[in-house]
Amino acid sequence: MKRCEGFEVVNIAGEYMAVPVGERSKSFQGIVVLNEAVAFILENMKEDISMDKIVKILTENYDVNKERATHDIEIMIKKLLEVGLITE
């Protein structure tokens, strides 16, 4: 999986967002509000990354066990695919 080109993850006044830039802003109208963990994961998805690597990154940086991280990431991936922020 990889973050789609044309999106930047930004923090504005403590709020994380994925903002379309360049050509992407013509086809994607709006922004996606993110929590801190999803923003952190998206920053690590600039290059192709596996589900196992995402779980490892999350468990190493947040107080979450592998089972909970896997469950939460599966939900996150589904939502990010639906809005077009990542590709498989």
PDB file of N, CA and C in Angstrom:
ATOM      1  N   MET A   1       0.833  -1.166   0.000  1.00  0.00           N
ATOM      2  CA  MET A   1       0.000   0.000   0.000  1.00  0.00           C
ATOM      3  C   MET A   1       0.882   1.234   0.000  1.00  0.00           C
ATOM      4  N   LYS A   2       0.300   2.287  -0.550  1.00  0.00           N
ATOM      5  CA  LYS A   2       1.068   3.510  -0.674  1.00  0.00           C
ATOM      6  C   LYS A   2       0.112   4.697  -0.690  1.00  0.00           C
ATOM      7  N   ARG A   3       0.568   5.814  -0.108  1.00  0.00           N
ATOM      8  CA  ARG A   3      -0.228   7.041  -0.180  1.00  0.00           C
ATOM      9  C   ARG A   3      -0.261   7.520  -1.618  1.00  0.00           C
ATOM     10  N   CYS A   4      -1.424   7.947  -2.070  1.00  0.00           N
ATOM     11  CA  CYS A   4      -1.564   8.434  -3.437  1.00  0.00           C
ATOM     12  C   CYS A   4      -0.803   9.740  -3.621  1.00  0.00           C
ATOM     13  N   GLU A   5      -0.283   9.927  -4.796  1.00  0.00           N
ATOM     14  CA  GLU A   5       0.402  11.174  -5.130  1.00  0.00           C
ATOM     15  C   GLU A   5      -0.605  12.315  -5.084  1.00  0.00           C
ATOM     16  N   GLY A   6      -0.144  13.475  -4.704  1.00  0.00           N
ATOM     17  CA  GLY A   6      -0.997  14.653  -4.736  1.00  0.00           C
ATOM     18  C   GLY A   6      -1.692  14.952  -3.423  1.00  0.00           C
ATOM     19  N   PHE A   7      -1.270  14.300  -2.355  1.00  0.00           N
ATOM     20  CA  PHE A   7      -1.809  14.603  -1.036  1.00  0.00           C
ATOM     21  C   PHE A   7      -0.666  14.922  -0.087  1.00  0.00           C
ATOM     22  N   GLU A   8      -0.855  15.924   0.711  1.00  0.00           N
ATOM     23  CA  GLU A   8       0.089  16.270   1.759  1.00  0.00           C
ATOM     24  C   GLU A   8      -0.618  16.141   3.099  1.00  0.00           C
ATOM     25  N   VAL A   9       0.080  15.620   4.080  1.00  0.00           N
ATOM     26  CA  VAL A   9      -0.444  15.549   5.437  1.00  0.00           C
ATOM     27  C   VAL A   9       0.082  16.774   6.175  1.00  0.00           C
ATOM     28  N   VAL A  10      -0.844  17.559   6.720  1.00  0.00           N
ATOM     29  CA  VAL A  10      -0.465  18.798   7.394  1.00  0.00           C
ATOM     30  C   VAL A  10      -1.097  18.852   8.781  1.00  0.00           C
ATOM     31  N   ASN A  11      -0.482  19.660   9.631  1.00  0.00           N
ATOM     32  CA  ASN A  11      -1.012  19.910  10.967  1.00  0.00           C
ATOM     33  C   ASN A  11      -1.265  21.404  11.058  1.00  0.00           C
ATOM     34  N   ILE A  12      -2.530  21.762  11.183  1.00  0.00           N
ATOM     35  CA  ILE A  12      -2.911  23.161  11.279  1.00  0.00           C
ATOM     36  C   ILE A  12      -3.635  23.357  12.599  1.00  0.00           C
ATOM     37  N   ALA A  13      -3.030  24.123  13.475  1.00  0.00           N
ATOM     38  CA  ALA A  13      -3.606  24.425  14.791  1.00  0.00           C
ATOM     39  C   ALA A  13      -3.970  23.141  15.545  1.00  0.00           C
ATOM     40  N   GLY A  14      -3.094  22.140  15.454  1.00  0.00           N
ATOM     41  CA  GLY A  14      -3.308  20.899  16.186  1.00  0.00           C
ATOM     42  C   GLY A  14      -4.233  19.905  15.516  1.00  0.00           C
ATOM     43  N   GLU A  15      -4.733  20.219  14.338  1.00  0.00           N
ATOM     44  CA  GLU A  15      -5.600  19.315  13.578  1.00  0.00           C
ATOM     45  C   GLU A  15      -4.821  18.750  12.391  1.00  0.00           C
ATOM     46  N   TYR A  16      -4.812  17.430  12.275  1.00  0.00           N
ATOM     47  CA  TYR A  16      -4.144  16.781  11.145  1.00  0.00           C
ATOM     48  C   TYR A  16      -5.120  16.632   9.996  1.00  0.00           C
ATOM     49  N   MET A  17      -4.624  16.893   8.786  1.00  0.00           N
ATOM     50  CA  MET A  17      -5.455  16.806   7.600  1.00  0.00           C
ATOM     51  C   MET A  17      -4.647  16.294   6.422  1.00  0.00           C
ATOM     52  N   ALA A  18      -5.338  15.601   5.527  1.00  0.00           N
ATOM     53  CA  ALA A  18      -4.758  15.247   4.235  1.00  0.00           C
ATOM     54  C   ALA A  18      -5.366  16.228   3.236  1.00  0.00           C
ATOM     55  N   VAL A  19      -4.495  16.985   2.587  1.00  0.00           N
ATOM     56  CA  VAL A  19      -4.921  18.060   1.703  1.00  0.00           C
ATOM     57  C   VAL A  19      -4.458  17.750   0.287  1.00  0.00           C
ATOM     58  N   PRO A  20      -5.382  17.823  -0.691  1.00  0.00           N
ATOM     59  CA  PRO A  20      -4.951  17.613  -2.067  1.00  0.00           C
ATOM     60  C   PRO A  20      -4.142  18.807  -2.562  1.00  0.00           C
ATOM     61  N   VAL A  21      -3.091  18.533  -3.334  1.00  0.00           N
ATOM     62  CA  VAL A  21      -2.250  19.588  -3.884  1.00  0.00           C
ATOM     63  C   VAL A  21      -2.049  19.357  -5.378  1.00  0.00           C
ATOM     64  N   GLY A  22      -1.685  20.406  -6.070  1.00  0.00           N
ATOM     65  CA  GLY A  22      -1.397  20.304  -7.496  1.00  0.00           C
ATOM     66  C   GLY A  22      -2.598  19.807  -8.288  1.00  0.00           C
ATOM     67  N   GLU A  23      -2.345  18.939  -9.245  1.00  0.00           N
ATOM     68  CA  GLU A  23      -3.395  18.397 -10.107  1.00  0.00           C
ATOM     69  C   GLU A  23      -4.476  17.665  -9.316  1.00  0.00           C
ATOM     70  N   ARG A  24      -4.083  17.043  -8.204  1.00  0.00           N
ATOM     71  CA  ARG A  24      -5.049  16.292  -7.395  1.00  0.00           C
ATOM     72  C   ARG A  24      -6.160  17.207  -6.876  1.00  0.00           C
ATOM     73  N   SER A  25      -5.834  18.470  -6.625  1.00  0.00           N
ATOM     74  CA  SER A  25      -6.843  19.392  -6.089  1.00  0.00           C
ATOM     75  C   SER A  25      -7.953  19.680  -7.096  1.00  0.00           C
ATOM     76  N   LYS A  26      -7.718  19.386  -8.355  1.00  0.00           N
ATOM     77  CA  LYS A  26      -8.757  19.572  -9.368  1.00  0.00           C
ATOM     78  C   LYS A  26      -9.792  18.449  -9.319  1.00  0.00           C
ATOM     79  N   SER A  27      -9.354  17.254  -8.932  1.00  0.00           N
ATOM     80  CA  SER A  27     -10.265  16.106  -8.929  1.00  0.00           C
ATOM     81  C   SER A  27     -10.763  15.733  -7.534  1.00  0.00           C
ATOM     82  N   PHE A  28     -10.099  16.216  -6.497  1.00  0.00           N
ATOM     83  CA  PHE A  28     -10.488  15.898  -5.120  1.00  0.00           C
ATOM     84  C   PHE A  28     -10.810  17.206  -4.424  1.00  0.00           C
ATOM     85  N   GLN A  29     -12.080  17.471  -4.267  1.00  0.00           N
ATOM     86  CA  GLN A  29     -12.520  18.717  -3.643  1.00  0.00           C
ATOM     87  C   GLN A  29     -12.719  18.488  -2.154  1.00  0.00           C
ATOM     88  N   GLY A  30     -11.924  19.133  -1.330  1.00  0.00           N
ATOM     89  CA  GLY A  30     -12.074  19.024   0.113  1.00  0.00           C
ATOM     90  C   GLY A  30     -10.791  18.555   0.777  1.00  0.00           C
ATOM     91  N   ILE A  31     -10.920  18.250   2.070  1.00  0.00           N
ATOM     92  CA  ILE A  31      -9.807  17.741   2.857  1.00  0.00           C
ATOM     93  C   ILE A  31     -10.306  16.549   3.654  1.00  0.00           C
ATOM     94  N   VAL A  32      -9.388  15.769   4.182  1.00  0.00           N
ATOM     95  CA  VAL A  32      -9.739  14.640   5.038  1.00  0.00           C
ATOM     96  C   VAL A  32      -9.100  14.906   6.402  1.00  0.00           C
ATOM     97  N   VAL A  33      -9.938  14.987   7.430  1.00  0.00           N
ATOM     98  CA  VAL A  33      -9.448  15.200   8.785  1.00  0.00           C
ATOM     99  C   VAL A  33      -8.967  13.865   9.340  1.00  0.00           C
ATOM    100  N   LEU A  34      -7.794  13.881   9.952  1.00  0.00           N
ATOM    101  CA  LEU A  34      -7.145  12.667  10.443  1.00  0.00           C
ATOM    102  C   LEU A  34      -6.873  12.773  11.935  1.00  0.00           C
ATOM    103  N   ASN A  35      -6.784  11.626  12.599  1.00  0.00           N
ATOM    104  CA  ASN A  35      -6.266  11.673  13.960  1.00  0.00           C
ATOM    105  C   ASN A  35      -4.745  11.552  13.880  1.00  0.00           C
ATOM    106  N   GLU A  36      -4.095  11.729  14.995  1.00  0.00           N
ATOM    107  CA  GLU A  36      -2.621  11.752  15.023  1.00  0.00           C
ATOM    108  C   GLU A  36      -2.024  10.442  14.508  1.00  0.00           C
ATOM    109  N   ALA A  37      -2.589   9.308  14.914  1.00  0.00           N
ATOM    110  CA  ALA A  37      -2.039   8.011  14.521  1.00  0.00           C
ATOM    111  C   ALA A  37      -2.163   7.791  13.018  1.00  0.00           C
ATOM    112  N   VAL A  38      -3.304   8.138  12.433  1.00  0.00           N
ATOM    113  CA  VAL A  38      -3.488   7.963  10.986  1.00  0.00           C
ATOM    114  C   VAL A  38      -2.552   8.897  10.225  1.00  0.00           C
ATOM    115  N   ALA A  39      -2.393  10.118  10.704  1.00  0.00           N
ATOM    116  CA  ALA A  39      -1.458  11.045  10.062  1.00  0.00           C
ATOM    117  C   ALA A  39      -0.041  10.477  10.099  1.00  0.00           C
ATOM    118  N   PHE A  40       0.338   9.922  11.235  1.00  0.00           N
ATOM    119  CA  PHE A  40       1.661   9.310  11.389  1.00  0.00           C
ATOM    120  C   PHE A  40       1.840   8.149  10.410  1.00  0.00           C
ATOM    121  N   ILE A  41       0.833   7.319  10.298  1.00  0.00           N
ATOM    122  CA  ILE A  41       0.899   6.178   9.378  1.00  0.00           C
ATOM    123  C   ILE A  41       0.983   6.658   7.931  1.00  0.00           C
ATOM    124  N   LEU A  42       0.167   7.639   7.563  1.00  0.00           N
ATOM    125  CA  LEU A  42       0.215   8.155   6.192  1.00  0.00           C
ATOM    126  C   LEU A  42       1.581   8.736   5.852  1.00  0.00           C
ATOM    127  N   GLU A  43       2.227   9.357   6.817  1.00  0.00           N
ATOM    128  CA  GLU A  43       3.572   9.871   6.576  1.00  0.00           C
ATOM    129  C   GLU A  43       4.542   8.733   6.260  1.00  0.00           C
ATOM    130  N   ASN A  44       4.285   7.560   6.814  1.00  0.00           N
ATOM    131  CA  ASN A  44       5.132   6.396   6.546  1.00  0.00           C
ATOM    132  C   ASN A  44       4.711   5.641   5.292  1.00  0.00           C
ATOM    133  N   MET A  45       3.682   6.113   4.626  1.00  0.00           N
ATOM    134  CA  MET A  45       3.193   5.452   3.417  1.00  0.00           C
ATOM    135  C   MET A  45       3.580   6.200   2.145  1.00  0.00           C
ATOM    136  N   LYS A  46       4.602   7.024   2.217  1.00  0.00           N
ATOM    137  CA  LYS A  46       5.068   7.714   1.019  1.00  0.00           C
ATOM    138  C   LYS A  46       5.626   6.707   0.018  1.00  0.00           C
ATOM    139  N   GLU A  47       6.187   5.636   0.534  1.00  0.00           N
ATOM    140  CA  GLU A  47       6.672   4.520  -0.276  1.00  0.00           C
ATOM    141  C   GLU A  47       5.774   3.317   0.008  1.00  0.00           C
ATOM    142  N   ASP A  48       5.805   2.332  -0.869  1.00  0.00           N
ATOM    143  CA  ASP A  48       4.998   1.124  -0.705  1.00  0.00           C
ATOM    144  C   ASP A  48       5.349   0.458   0.625  1.00  0.00           C
ATOM    145  N   ILE A  49       4.323   0.050   1.375  1.00  0.00           N
ATOM    146  CA  ILE A  49       4.528  -0.532   2.698  1.00  0.00           C
ATOM    147  C   ILE A  49       3.516  -1.650   2.920  1.00  0.00           C
ATOM    148  N   SER A  50       3.928  -2.678   3.614  1.00  0.00           N
ATOM    149  CA  SER A  50       3.050  -3.821   3.877  1.00  0.00           C
ATOM    150  C   SER A  50       2.216  -3.595   5.124  1.00  0.00           C
ATOM    151  N   MET A  51       1.167  -4.370   5.244  1.00  0.00           N
ATOM    152  CA  MET A  51       0.317  -4.329   6.436  1.00  0.00           C
ATOM    153  C   MET A  51       1.143  -4.655   7.680  1.00  0.00           C
ATOM    154  N   ASP A  52       1.989  -5.669   7.598  1.00  0.00           N
ATOM    155  CA  ASP A  52       2.822  -6.051   8.740  1.00  0.00           C
ATOM    156  C   ASP A  52       3.724  -4.902   9.193  1.00  0.00           C
ATOM    157  N   LYS A  53       4.277  -4.174   8.251  1.00  0.00           N
ATOM    158  CA  LYS A  53       5.148  -3.042   8.590  1.00  0.00           C
ATOM    159  C   LYS A  53       4.346  -1.918   9.251  1.00  0.00           C
ATOM    160  N   ILE A  54       3.131  -1.678   8.775  1.00  0.00           N
ATOM    161  CA  ILE A  54       2.288  -0.651   9.388  1.00  0.00           C
ATOM    162  C   ILE A  54       1.974  -1.032  10.832  1.00  0.00           C
ATOM    163  N   VAL A  55       1.629  -2.304  11.054  1.00  0.00           N
ATOM    164  CA  VAL A  55       1.345  -2.779  12.415  1.00  0.00           C
ATOM    165  C   VAL A  55       2.569  -2.583  13.298  1.00  0.00           C
ATOM    166  N   LYS A  56       3.736  -2.933  12.780  1.00  0.00           N
ATOM    167  CA  LYS A  56       4.968  -2.786  13.550  1.00  0.00           C
ATOM    168  C   LYS A  56       5.220  -1.324  13.914  1.00  0.00           C
ATOM    169  N   ILE A  57       5.059  -0.435  12.969  1.00  0.00           N
ATOM    170  CA  ILE A  57       5.264   0.995  13.216  1.00  0.00           C
ATOM    171  C   ILE A  57       4.293   1.493  14.283  1.00  0.00           C
ATOM    172  N   LEU A  58       3.045   1.067  14.183  1.00  0.00           N
ATOM    173  CA  LEU A  58       2.051   1.529  15.147  1.00  0.00           C
ATOM    174  C   LEU A  58       2.333   1.002  16.547  1.00  0.00           C
ATOM    175  N   THR A  59       2.664  -0.273  16.659  1.00  0.00           N
ATOM    176  CA  THR A  59       2.907  -0.853  17.986  1.00  0.00           C
ATOM    177  C   THR A  59       4.197  -0.319  18.615  1.00  0.00           C
ATOM    178  N   GLU A  60       5.169   0.057  17.798  1.00  0.00           N
ATOM    179  CA  GLU A  60       6.419   0.604  18.321  1.00  0.00           C
ATOM    180  C   GLU A  60       6.279   2.060  18.779  1.00  0.00           C
ATOM    181  N   ASN A  61       5.297   2.766  18.239  1.00  0.00           N
ATOM    182  CA  ASN A  61       5.183   4.195  18.525  1.00  0.00           C
ATOM    183  C   ASN A  61       3.965   4.578  19.364  1.00  0.00           C
ATOM    184  N   TYR A  62       3.050   3.653  19.551  1.00  0.00           N
ATOM    185  CA  TYR A  62       1.851   3.921  20.335  1.00  0.00           C
ATOM    186  C   TYR A  62       1.623   2.771  21.311  1.00  0.00           C
ATOM    187  N   ASP A  63       0.918   3.054  22.376  1.00  0.00           N
ATOM    188  CA  ASP A  63       0.622   2.051  23.396  1.00  0.00           C
ATOM    189  C   ASP A  63      -0.570   1.211  22.940  1.00  0.00           C
ATOM    190  N   VAL A  64      -0.307   0.280  22.029  1.00  0.00           N
ATOM    191  CA  VAL A  64      -1.351  -0.575  21.472  1.00  0.00           C
ATOM    192  C   VAL A  64      -0.737  -1.947  21.189  1.00  0.00           C
ATOM    193  N   ASN A  65      -1.506  -3.009  21.454  1.00  0.00           N
ATOM    194  CA  ASN A  65      -0.998  -4.349  21.174  1.00  0.00           C
ATOM    195  C   ASN A  65      -1.217  -4.709  19.705  1.00  0.00           C
ATOM    196  N   LYS A  66      -0.573  -5.769  19.274  1.00  0.00           N
ATOM    197  CA  LYS A  66      -0.590  -6.169  17.864  1.00  0.00           C
ATOM    198  C   LYS A  66      -2.006  -6.469  17.365  1.00  0.00           C
ATOM    199  N   GLU A  67      -2.801  -7.154  18.174  1.00  0.00           N
ATOM    200  CA  GLU A  67      -4.147  -7.526  17.753  1.00  0.00           C
ATOM    201  C   GLU A  67      -5.022  -6.292  17.537  1.00  0.00           C
ATOM    202  N   ARG A  68      -4.973  -5.374  18.492  1.00  0.00           N
ATOM    203  CA  ARG A  68      -5.777  -4.144  18.372  1.00  0.00           C
ATOM    204  C   ARG A  68      -5.277  -3.294  17.211  1.00  0.00           C
ATOM    205  N   ALA A  69      -3.963  -3.195  17.057  1.00  0.00           N
ATOM    206  CA  ALA A  69      -3.386  -2.414  15.960  1.00  0.00           C
ATOM    207  C   ALA A  69      -3.819  -2.987  14.617  1.00  0.00           C
ATOM    208  N   THR A  70      -3.768  -4.307  14.482  1.00  0.00           N
ATOM    209  CA  THR A  70      -4.164  -4.950  13.225  1.00  0.00           C
ATOM    210  C   THR A  70      -5.623  -4.652  12.912  1.00  0.00           C
ATOM    211  N   HIS A  71      -6.481  -4.795  13.898  1.00  0.00           N
ATOM    212  CA  HIS A  71      -7.910  -4.523  13.710  1.00  0.00           C
ATOM    213  C   HIS A  71      -8.141  -3.073  13.287  1.00  0.00           C
ATOM    214  N   ASP A  72      -7.548  -2.147  14.010  1.00  0.00           N
ATOM    215  CA  ASP A  72      -7.733  -0.728  13.709  1.00  0.00           C
ATOM    216  C   ASP A  72      -7.172  -0.356  12.337  1.00  0.00           C
ATOM    217  N   ILE A  73      -6.047  -0.932  11.979  1.00  0.00           N
ATOM    218  CA  ILE A  73      -5.432  -0.628  10.685  1.00  0.00           C
ATOM    219  C   ILE A  73      -6.278  -1.171   9.543  1.00  0.00           C
ATOM    220  N   GLU A  74      -6.872  -2.332   9.716  1.00  0.00           N
ATOM    221  CA  GLU A  74      -7.755  -2.882   8.679  1.00  0.00           C
ATOM    222  C   GLU A  74      -8.910  -1.927   8.407  1.00  0.00           C
ATOM    223  N   ILE A  75      -9.496  -1.379   9.457  1.00  0.00           N
ATOM    224  CA  ILE A  75     -10.589  -0.410   9.301  1.00  0.00           C
ATOM    225  C   ILE A  75     -10.078   0.860   8.628  1.00  0.00           C
ATOM    226  N   MET A  76      -8.913   1.348   9.090  1.00  0.00           N
ATOM    227  CA  MET A  76      -8.333   2.562   8.531  1.00  0.00           C
ATOM    228  C   MET A  76      -8.047   2.400   7.037  1.00  0.00           C
ATOM    229  N   ILE A  77      -7.466   1.271   6.665  1.00  0.00           N
ATOM    230  CA  ILE A  77      -7.123   1.038   5.259  1.00  0.00           C
ATOM    231  C   ILE A  77      -8.374   1.052   4.393  1.00  0.00           C
ATOM    232  N   LYS A  78      -9.420   0.404   4.850  1.00  0.00           N
ATOM    233  CA  LYS A  78     -10.678   0.379   4.097  1.00  0.00           C
ATOM    234  C   LYS A  78     -11.185   1.800   3.855  1.00  0.00           C
ATOM    235  N   LYS A  79     -11.171   2.629   4.893  1.00  0.00           N
ATOM    236  CA  LYS A  79     -11.657   4.002   4.762  1.00  0.00           C
ATOM    237  C   LYS A  79     -10.757   4.840   3.861  1.00  0.00           C
ATOM    238  N   LEU A  80      -9.438   4.677   4.003  1.00  0.00           N
ATOM    239  CA  LEU A  80      -8.510   5.448   3.171  1.00  0.00           C
ATOM    240  C   LEU A  80      -8.599   5.046   1.703  1.00  0.00           C
ATOM    241  N   LEU A  81      -8.844   3.760   1.447  1.00  0.00           N
ATOM    242  CA  LEU A  81      -9.056   3.310   0.069  1.00  0.00           C
ATOM    243  C   LEU A  81     -10.341   3.903  -0.498  1.00  0.00           C
ATOM    244  N   GLU A  82     -11.387   3.942   0.316  1.00  0.00           N
ATOM    245  CA  GLU A  82     -12.682   4.480  -0.132  1.00  0.00           C
ATOM    246  C   GLU A  82     -12.579   5.944  -0.545  1.00  0.00           C
ATOM    247  N   VAL A  83     -11.829   6.745   0.199  1.00  0.00           N
ATOM    248  CA  VAL A  83     -11.722   8.162  -0.138  1.00  0.00           C
ATOM    249  C   VAL A  83     -10.609   8.452  -1.137  1.00  0.00           C
ATOM    250  N   GLY A  84      -9.794   7.445  -1.461  1.00  0.00           N
ATOM    251  CA  GLY A  84      -8.761   7.606  -2.469  1.00  0.00           C
ATOM    252  C   GLY A  84      -7.448   8.172  -1.993  1.00  0.00           C
ATOM    253  N   LEU A  85      -7.168   8.043  -0.694  1.00  0.00           N
ATOM    254  CA  LEU A  85      -5.893   8.534  -0.159  1.00  0.00           C
ATOM    255  C   LEU A  85      -4.751   7.553  -0.335  1.00  0.00           C
ATOM    256  N   ILE A  86      -5.076   6.255  -0.445  1.00  0.00           N
ATOM    257  CA  ILE A  86      -4.038   5.241  -0.627  1.00  0.00           C
ATOM    258  C   ILE A  86      -4.427   4.295  -1.752  1.00  0.00           C
ATOM    259  N   THR A  87      -3.438   3.575  -2.246  1.00  0.00           N
ATOM    260  CA  THR A  87      -3.661   2.527  -3.242  1.00  0.00           C
ATOM    261  C   THR A  87      -3.076   1.233  -2.711  1.00  0.00           C
ATOM    262  N   GLU A  88      -3.593   0.140  -3.209  1.00  0.00           N
ATOM    263  CA  GLU A  88      -3.068  -1.166  -2.775  1.00  0.00           C
ATOM    264  C   GLU A  88      -1.886  -1.580  -3.600  1.00  0.00           C
TER     265      GLU A  88
END
